PDB file of N, CA and C in Angstrom:
ATOM      1  N   MET A   1     123.316 101.580 172.287  1.00  0.00           N
ATOM      2  CA  MET A   1     123.733 101.768 174.015  1.00  0.00           C
ATOM      3  C   MET A   1     123.603 100.690 174.179  1.00  0.00           C
ATOM      4  N   ASP A   2     124.098 100.417 175.408  1.00  0.00           N
ATOM      5  CA  ASP A   2     123.946  99.434 175.944  1.00  0.00           C
ATOM      6  C   ASP A   2     123.356  99.998 177.734  1.00  0.00           C
ATOM      7  N   PRO A   3     122.253  99.730 178.206  1.00  0.00           N
ATOM      8  CA  PRO A   3     121.570 100.236 179.250  1.00  0.00           C
ATOM      9  C   PRO A   3     122.423  99.702 180.652  1.00  0.00           C
ATOM     10  N   PHE A   4     122.665  98.497 180.485  1.00  0.00           N
ATOM     11  CA  PHE A   4     123.587  97.473 181.484  1.00  0.00           C
ATOM     12  C   PHE A   4     124.915  98.000 181.444  1.00  0.00           C
ATOM     13  N   ASP A   5     125.506  98.834 180.487  1.00  0.00           N
ATOM     14  CA  ASP A   5     127.152  99.825 181.113  1.00  0.00           C
ATOM     15  C   ASP A   5     126.743 100.333 182.225  1.00  0.00           C
ATOM     16  N   PRO A   6     128.146  99.965 182.706  1.00  0.00           N
ATOM     17  CA  PRO A   6     128.357 101.011 184.086  1.00  0.00           C
ATOM     18  C   PRO A   6     128.635 102.561 183.485  1.00  0.00           C
ATOM     19  N   ASN A   7     128.721 102.734 182.302  1.00  0.00           N
ATOM     20  CA  ASN A   7     129.362 103.936 182.270  1.00  0.00           C
ATOM     21  C   ASN A   7     127.928 104.517 180.928  1.00  0.00           C
ATOM     22  N   SER A   8     126.983 103.867 180.923  1.00  0.00           N
ATOM     23  CA  SER A   8     125.409 104.308 180.355  1.00  0.00           C
ATOM     24  C   SER A   8     124.988 105.427 180.401  1.00  0.00           C
ATOM     25  N   PRO A   9     125.116 106.510 179.273  1.00  0.00           N
ATOM     26  CA  PRO A   9     124.522 107.754 179.841  1.00  0.00           C
ATOM     27  C   PRO A   9     123.227 107.761 180.363  1.00  0.00           C
ATOM     28  N   LEU A  10     122.299 106.501 179.908  1.00  0.00           N
ATOM     29  CA  LEU A  10     121.253 106.478 180.448  1.00  0.00           C
ATOM     30  C   LEU A  10     121.766 106.420 182.441  1.00  0.00           C
ATOM     31  N   LYS A  11     122.648 106.208 182.959  1.00  0.00           N
ATOM     32  CA  LYS A  11     122.467 106.113 184.537  1.00  0.00           C
ATOM     33  C   LYS A  11     122.829 107.395 184.628  1.00  0.00           C
ATOM     34  N   LYS A  12     123.607 107.989 183.708  1.00  0.00           N
ATOM     35  CA  LYS A  12     124.383 109.511 184.416  1.00  0.00           C
ATOM     36  C   LYS A  12     123.001 110.850 184.257  1.00  0.00           C
ATOM     37  N   MET A  13     122.244 110.168 183.358  1.00  0.00           N
ATOM     38  CA  MET A  13     120.809 110.747 182.887  1.00  0.00           C
ATOM     39  C   MET A  13     119.567 110.029 184.105  1.00  0.00           C
ATOM     40  N   ALA A  14     119.850 109.598 185.423  1.00  0.00           N
ATOM     41  CA  ALA A  14     118.757 108.914 185.739  1.00  0.00           C
ATOM     42  C   ALA A  14     118.292 109.602 186.545  1.00  0.00           C
ATOM     43  N   VAL A  15     116.699 109.510 186.740  1.00  0.00           N
ATOM     44  CA  VAL A  15     115.745 110.183 187.346  1.00  0.00           C
ATOM     45  C   VAL A  15     116.011 110.499 189.153  1.00  0.00           C
ATOM     46  N   LYS A  16     116.844 111.014 189.927  1.00  0.00           N
ATOM     47  CA  LYS A  16     117.057 111.185 191.320  1.00  0.00           C
ATOM     48  C   LYS A  16     115.971 110.659 192.071  1.00  0.00           C
ATOM     49  N   HIS A  17     114.433 112.417 192.077  1.00  0.00           N
ATOM     50  CA  HIS A  17     113.685 112.003 192.461  1.00  0.00           C
ATOM     51  C   HIS A  17     112.143 112.522 191.519  1.00  0.00           C
ATOM     52  N   PHE A  18     111.382 111.057 191.936  1.00  0.00           N
ATOM     53  CA  PHE A  18     110.064 111.268 191.327  1.00  0.00           C
ATOM     54  C   PHE A  18     109.116 111.814 192.389  1.00  0.00           C
ATOM     55  N   PRO A  19     108.352 112.944 192.262  1.00  0.00           N
ATOM     56  CA  PRO A  19     107.515 113.771 193.292  1.00  0.00           C
ATOM     57  C   PRO A  19     106.309 112.683 193.424  1.00  0.00           C
ATOM     58  N   SER A  20     105.851 112.312 194.294  1.00  0.00           N
ATOM     59  CA  SER A  20     104.558 111.433 194.847  1.00  0.00           C
ATOM     60  C   SER A  20     103.294 111.965 193.822  1.00  0.00           C
ATOM     61  N   ASP A  21     103.277 112.879 194.250  1.00  0.00           N
ATOM     62  CA  ASP A  21     101.779 113.701 192.984  1.00  0.00           C
ATOM     63  C   ASP A  21     102.158 113.321 191.585  1.00  0.00           C
ATOM     64  N   MET A  22     102.761 113.256 191.306  1.00  0.00           N
ATOM     65  CA  MET A  22     103.468 113.287 189.679  1.00  0.00           C
ATOM     66  C   MET A  22     103.193 111.700 189.121  1.00  0.00           C
ATOM     67  N   PHE A  23     103.183 110.212 190.411  1.00  0.00           N
ATOM     68  CA  PHE A  23     103.139 109.254 190.241  1.00  0.00           C
ATOM     69  C   PHE A  23     101.941 108.783 189.476  1.00  0.00           C
ATOM     70  N   PHE A  24     100.671 109.763 190.427  1.00  0.00           N
ATOM     71  CA  PHE A  24      99.487 109.449 190.116  1.00  0.00           C
ATOM     72  C   PHE A  24      98.741 109.811 188.612  1.00  0.00           C
ATOM     73  N   VAL A  25      99.539 110.982 188.473  1.00  0.00           N
ATOM     74  CA  VAL A  25      99.110 111.174 186.943  1.00  0.00           C
ATOM     75  C   VAL A  25      99.615 110.249 185.852  1.00  0.00           C
ATOM     76  N   LEU A  26     101.343 109.847 186.334  1.00  0.00           N
ATOM     77  CA  LEU A  26     101.889 108.724 185.504  1.00  0.00           C
ATOM     78  C   LEU A  26     100.531 107.941 185.525  1.00  0.00           C
ATOM     79  N   ARG A  27     100.229 107.062 186.414  1.00  0.00           N
ATOM     80  CA  ARG A  27      99.755 106.068 186.552  1.00  0.00           C
ATOM     81  C   ARG A  27      98.123 106.355 185.211  1.00  0.00           C
ATOM     82  N   VAL A  28      97.640 107.432 185.741  1.00  0.00           N
ATOM     83  CA  VAL A  28      96.185 107.635 184.984  1.00  0.00           C
ATOM     84  C   VAL A  28      96.557 107.604 183.656  1.00  0.00           C
ATOM     85  N   VAL A  29      97.474 108.472 183.108  1.00  0.00           N
ATOM     86  CA  VAL A  29      97.895 108.447 181.630  1.00  0.00           C
ATOM     87  C   VAL A  29      98.222 106.964 181.289  1.00  0.00           C
ATOM     88  N   GLN A  30      98.395 106.073 181.808  1.00  0.00           N
ATOM     89  CA  GLN A  30      99.387 104.782 181.714  1.00  0.00           C
ATOM     90  C   GLN A  30      97.612 104.395 181.777  1.00  0.00           C
ATOM     91  N   LEU A  31      96.642 104.437 182.477  1.00  0.00           N
ATOM     92  CA  LEU A  31      95.226 103.711 182.302  1.00  0.00           C
ATOM     93  C   LEU A  31      94.417 103.935 180.867  1.00  0.00           C
ATOM     94  N   LEU A  32      94.634 105.543 181.213  1.00  0.00           N
ATOM     95  CA  LEU A  32      93.949 105.480 179.596  1.00  0.00           C
ATOM     96  C   LEU A  32      94.129 105.377 178.651  1.00  0.00           C
ATOM     97  N   ARG A  33      95.786 105.225 178.380  1.00  0.00           N
ATOM     98  CA  ARG A  33      96.112 104.630 177.309  1.00  0.00           C
ATOM     99  C   ARG A  33      95.595 103.104 177.347  1.00  0.00           C
ATOM    100  N   GLY A  34      95.803 102.874 178.185  1.00  0.00           N
ATOM    101  CA  GLY A  34      95.511 100.871 178.110  1.00  0.00           C
ATOM    102  C   GLY A  34      93.992 101.040 177.861  1.00  0.00           C
ATOM    103  N   LEU A  35      93.185 101.717 177.879  1.00  0.00           N
ATOM    104  CA  LEU A  35      92.011 101.743 177.977  1.00  0.00           C
ATOM    105  C   LEU A  35      91.911 101.455 176.432  1.00  0.00           C
ATOM    106  N   SER A  36      92.149 103.476 175.824  1.00  0.00           N
ATOM    107  CA  SER A  36      91.844 103.600 174.682  1.00  0.00           C
ATOM    108  C   SER A  36      92.581 102.359 173.602  1.00  0.00           C
ATOM    109  N   THR A  37      93.554 101.959 173.864  1.00  0.00           N
ATOM    110  CA  THR A  37      94.239 100.791 173.174  1.00  0.00           C
ATOM    111  C   THR A  37      92.850  99.691 172.946  1.00  0.00           C
ATOM    112  N   HIS A  38      92.811  99.128 173.872  1.00  0.00           N
ATOM    113  CA  HIS A  38      91.939  98.128 174.448  1.00  0.00           C
ATOM    114  C   HIS A  38      91.064  98.209 173.712  1.00  0.00           C
ATOM    115  N   MET A  39      90.115  99.637 173.394  1.00  0.00           N
ATOM    116  CA  MET A  39      88.713  99.628 172.952  1.00  0.00           C
ATOM    117  C   MET A  39      88.679 100.259 172.029  1.00  0.00           C
ATOM    118  N   GLY A  40      90.026 100.253 171.281  1.00  0.00           N
ATOM    119  CA  GLY A  40      90.133 100.625 169.741  1.00  0.00           C
ATOM    120  C   GLY A  40      90.354 102.210 169.002  1.00  0.00           C
ATOM    121  N   VAL A  41      90.364 102.811 170.165  1.00  0.00           N
ATOM    122  CA  VAL A  41      89.987 104.462 169.906  1.00  0.00           C
ATOM    123  C   VAL A  41      92.087 104.664 169.665  1.00  0.00           C
ATOM    124  N   ASP A  42      92.311 104.868 168.129  1.00  0.00           N
ATOM    125  CA  ASP A  42      93.260 105.466 168.233  1.00  0.00           C
ATOM    126  C   ASP A  42      93.821 106.645 168.382  1.00  0.00           C
ATOM    127  N   ASN A  43      93.001 107.385 168.256  1.00  0.00           N
ATOM    128  CA  ASN A  43      92.786 109.212 168.707  1.00  0.00           C
ATOM    129  C   ASN A  43      93.167 109.714 169.464  1.00  0.00           C
ATOM    130  N   PHE A  44      93.022 109.154 170.721  1.00  0.00           N
ATOM    131  CA  PHE A  44      92.815 109.471 172.056  1.00  0.00           C
ATOM    132  C   PHE A  44      94.357 109.937 172.454  1.00  0.00           C
ATOM    133  N   SER A  45      94.429 111.054 173.273  1.00  0.00           N
ATOM    134  CA  SER A  45      95.352 111.959 173.717  1.00  0.00           C
ATOM    135  C   SER A  45      95.482 112.129 175.044  1.00  0.00           C
ATOM    136  N   THR A  46      95.920 111.623 176.138  1.00  0.00           N
ATOM    137  CA  THR A  46      95.597 112.442 177.479  1.00  0.00           C
ATOM    138  C   THR A  46      96.069 114.055 177.355  1.00  0.00           C
ATOM    139  N   ALA A  47      97.179 114.290 176.818  1.00  0.00           N
ATOM    140  CA  ALA A  47      97.981 115.664 176.750  1.00  0.00           C
ATOM    141  C   ALA A  47      96.568 116.593 175.938  1.00  0.00           C
ATOM    142  N   HIS A  48      95.958 116.294 174.678  1.00  0.00           N
ATOM    143  CA  HIS A  48      95.098 116.960 174.085  1.00  0.00           C
ATOM    144  C   HIS A  48      93.676 117.270 174.928  1.00  0.00           C
ATOM    145  N   GLN A  49      93.433 116.481 175.861  1.00  0.00           N
ATOM    146  CA  GLN A  49      92.174 116.252 176.601  1.00  0.00           C
ATOM    147  C   GLN A  49      92.736 117.537 177.733  1.00  0.00           C
ATOM    148  N   TRP A  50      93.600 117.448 178.218  1.00  0.00           N
ATOM    149  CA  TRP A  50      94.355 118.287 179.266  1.00  0.00           C
ATOM    150  C   TRP A  50      94.642 119.374 179.557  1.00  0.00           C
ATOM    151  N   ARG A  51      95.172 119.905 177.808  1.00  0.00           N
ATOM    152  CA  ARG A  51      95.571 121.400 177.782  1.00  0.00           C
ATOM    153  C   ARG A  51      94.691 122.621 178.068  1.00  0.00           C
ATOM    154  N   PRO A  52      93.611 122.739 178.219  1.00  0.00           N
ATOM    155  CA  PRO A  52      92.742 123.937 178.535  1.00  0.00           C
ATOM    156  C   PRO A  52      92.749 123.923 179.733  1.00  0.00           C
ATOM    157  N   PHE A  53      93.097 123.084 181.083  1.00  0.00           N
ATOM    158  CA  PHE A  53      92.806 122.947 182.526  1.00  0.00           C
ATOM    159  C   PHE A  53      94.332 123.313 182.584  1.00  0.00           C
ATOM    160  N   ALA A  54      95.565 122.759 182.007  1.00  0.00           N
ATOM    161  CA  ALA A  54      97.088 122.967 182.242  1.00  0.00           C
ATOM    162  C   ALA A  54      97.339 124.728 181.759  1.00  0.00           C
ATOM    163  N   ASP A  55      96.545 125.358 180.437  1.00  0.00           N
ATOM    164  CA  ASP A  55      96.627 126.543 180.145  1.00  0.00           C
ATOM    165  C   ASP A  55      95.967 127.541 180.873  1.00  0.00           C
ATOM    166  N   GLU A  56      94.518 126.801 181.647  1.00  0.00           N
ATOM    167  CA  GLU A  56      94.239 128.142 182.123  1.00  0.00           C
ATOM    168  C   GLU A  56      95.283 128.351 183.775  1.00  0.00           C
ATOM    169  N   THR A  57      95.788 127.164 184.370  1.00  0.00           N
ATOM    170  CA  THR A  57      96.260 127.335 185.233  1.00  0.00           C
ATOM    171  C   THR A  57      97.513 127.885 184.779  1.00  0.00           C
ATOM    172  N   LEU A  58      98.522 128.086 184.106  1.00  0.00           N
ATOM    173  CA  LEU A  58      99.474 128.342 183.800  1.00  0.00           C
ATOM    174  C   LEU A  58      99.109 129.811 183.394  1.00  0.00           C
ATOM    175  N   ARG A  59      97.839 130.354 182.812  1.00  0.00           N
ATOM    176  CA  ARG A  59      97.453 132.282 182.710  1.00  0.00           C
ATOM    177  C   ARG A  59      97.361 132.295 184.365  1.00  0.00           C
ATOM    178  N   GLN A  60      97.031 131.803 185.381  1.00  0.00           N
ATOM    179  CA  GLN A  60      96.139 132.110 186.716  1.00  0.00           C
ATOM    180  C   GLN A  60      97.868 132.748 187.012  1.00  0.00           C
ATOM    181  N   HIS A  61      98.824 131.871 187.024  1.00  0.00           N
ATOM    182  CA  HIS A  61      99.757 132.037 187.742  1.00  0.00           C
ATOM    183  C   HIS A  61     100.633 132.647 186.813  1.00  0.00           C
ATOM    184  N   GLY A  62     100.401 133.219 185.259  1.00  0.00           N
ATOM    185  CA  GLY A  62     101.277 134.541 185.341  1.00  0.00           C
ATOM    186  C   GLY A  62     101.868 133.958 183.915  1.00  0.00           C
ATOM    187  N   LEU A  63     101.721 132.644 183.656  1.00  0.00           N
ATOM    188  CA  LEU A  63     103.222 131.969 182.952  1.00  0.00           C
ATOM    189  C   LEU A  63     102.317 132.150 181.114  1.00  0.00           C
ATOM    190  N   LEU A  64     101.370 132.469 181.260  1.00  0.00           N
ATOM    191  CA  LEU A  64     100.888 132.460 179.641  1.00  0.00           C
ATOM    192  C   LEU A  64     100.420 133.547 179.507  1.00  0.00           C
ATOM    193  N   PRO A  65     100.054 134.158 178.563  1.00  0.00           N
ATOM    194  CA  PRO A  65      99.266 135.565 177.667  1.00  0.00           C
ATOM    195  C   PRO A  65      97.794 135.580 178.043  1.00  0.00           C
ATOM    196  N   PRO A  66      97.124 136.066 178.510  1.00  0.00           N
ATOM    197  CA  PRO A  66      95.483 135.826 178.387  1.00  0.00           C
ATOM    198  C   PRO A  66      95.043 134.787 177.104  1.00  0.00           C
ATOM    199  N   ALA A  67      94.007 134.672 177.660  1.00  0.00           N
ATOM    200  CA  ALA A  67      93.627 133.484 176.189  1.00  0.00           C
ATOM    201  C   ALA A  67      93.097 134.958 174.978  1.00  0.00           C
ATOM    202  N   LYS A  68      92.575 134.155 174.239  1.00  0.00           N
ATOM    203  CA  LYS A  68      92.233 134.986 172.759  1.00  0.00           C
ATOM    204  C   LYS A  68      90.307 134.545 172.920  1.00  0.00           C
ATOM    205  N   LEU A  69      89.607 136.073 172.605  1.00  0.00           N
ATOM    206  CA  LEU A  69      88.435 135.729 173.050  1.00  0.00           C
ATOM    207  C   LEU A  69      87.852 135.301 171.608  1.00  0.00           C
ATOM    208  N   TRP A  70      86.390 134.373 171.911  1.00  0.00           N
ATOM    209  CA  TRP A  70      86.280 133.793 171.071  1.00  0.00           C
ATOM    210  C   TRP A  70      85.508 134.213 169.884  1.00  0.00           C
ATOM    211  N   TRP A  71      85.666 135.955 169.534  1.00  0.00           N
ATOM    212  CA  TRP A  71      85.103 136.989 168.097  1.00  0.00           C
ATOM    213  C   TRP A  71      86.732 137.356 167.753  1.00  0.00           C
ATOM    214  N   GLN A  72      87.977 136.985 167.903  1.00  0.00           N
ATOM    215  CA  GLN A  72      88.891 137.468 167.747  1.00  0.00           C
ATOM    216  C   GLN A  72      89.234 136.038 166.591  1.00  0.00           C
ATOM    217  N   GLU A  73      89.199 136.904 165.225  1.00  0.00           N
ATOM    218  CA  GLU A  73      89.468 135.833 164.139  1.00  0.00           C
ATOM    219  C   GLU A  73      90.673 134.758 164.433  1.00  0.00           C
ATOM    220  N   SER A  74      91.772 135.369 165.494  1.00  0.00           N
ATOM    221  CA  SER A  74      93.057 134.093 165.172  1.00  0.00           C
ATOM    222  C   SER A  74      93.110 133.268 166.242  1.00  0.00           C
ATOM    223  N   ALA A  75      91.941 133.398 166.901  1.00  0.00           N
ATOM    224  CA  ALA A  75      91.237 131.746 167.974  1.00  0.00           C
ATOM    225  C   ALA A  75      91.435 130.932 167.224  1.00  0.00           C
ATOM    226  N   PHE A  76      90.853 131.461 166.208  1.00  0.00           N
ATOM    227  CA  PHE A  76      90.166 130.347 165.411  1.00  0.00           C
ATOM    228  C   PHE A  76      91.338 129.732 164.262  1.00  0.00           C
ATOM    229  N   THR A  77      92.201 130.535 163.465  1.00  0.00           N
ATOM    230  CA  THR A  77      93.070 130.185 162.525  1.00  0.00           C
ATOM    231  C   THR A  77      93.995 130.138 163.178  1.00  0.00           C
ATOM    232  N   GLY A  78      94.881 130.108 164.334  1.00  0.00           N
ATOM    233  CA  GLY A  78      95.556 129.715 164.904  1.00  0.00           C
ATOM    234  C   GLY A  78      96.623 131.120 164.594  1.00  0.00           C
ATOM    235  N   GLU A  79      96.514 132.648 163.822  1.00  0.00           N
ATOM    236  CA  GLU A  79      97.521 133.123 163.558  1.00  0.00           C
ATOM    237  C   GLU A  79      98.067 134.104 164.958  1.00  0.00           C
ATOM    238  N   ALA A  80      98.743 134.996 164.728  1.00  0.00           N
ATOM    239  CA  ALA A  80      99.238 135.189 166.522  1.00  0.00           C
ATOM    240  C   ALA A  80      98.740 136.717 165.944  1.00  0.00           C
TER     241      ALA A  80
END
């Protein structure tokens, strides 16, 4: 696939608008990735670190079911 071809699928799927708030999220992810690489941290994941906050926000807006409580076995085993 040639990205410079006028009929390239990449041009048809181009991002038309990128929210300015998301620019800062993207920049933080890039900075953390660069820092972790430079420091030799191989297993750092921004998504893994931010998931609890994202899950809680989605729960508050009714987009995820309530969290399993710590004493429920499936909270530790991953079973539904």
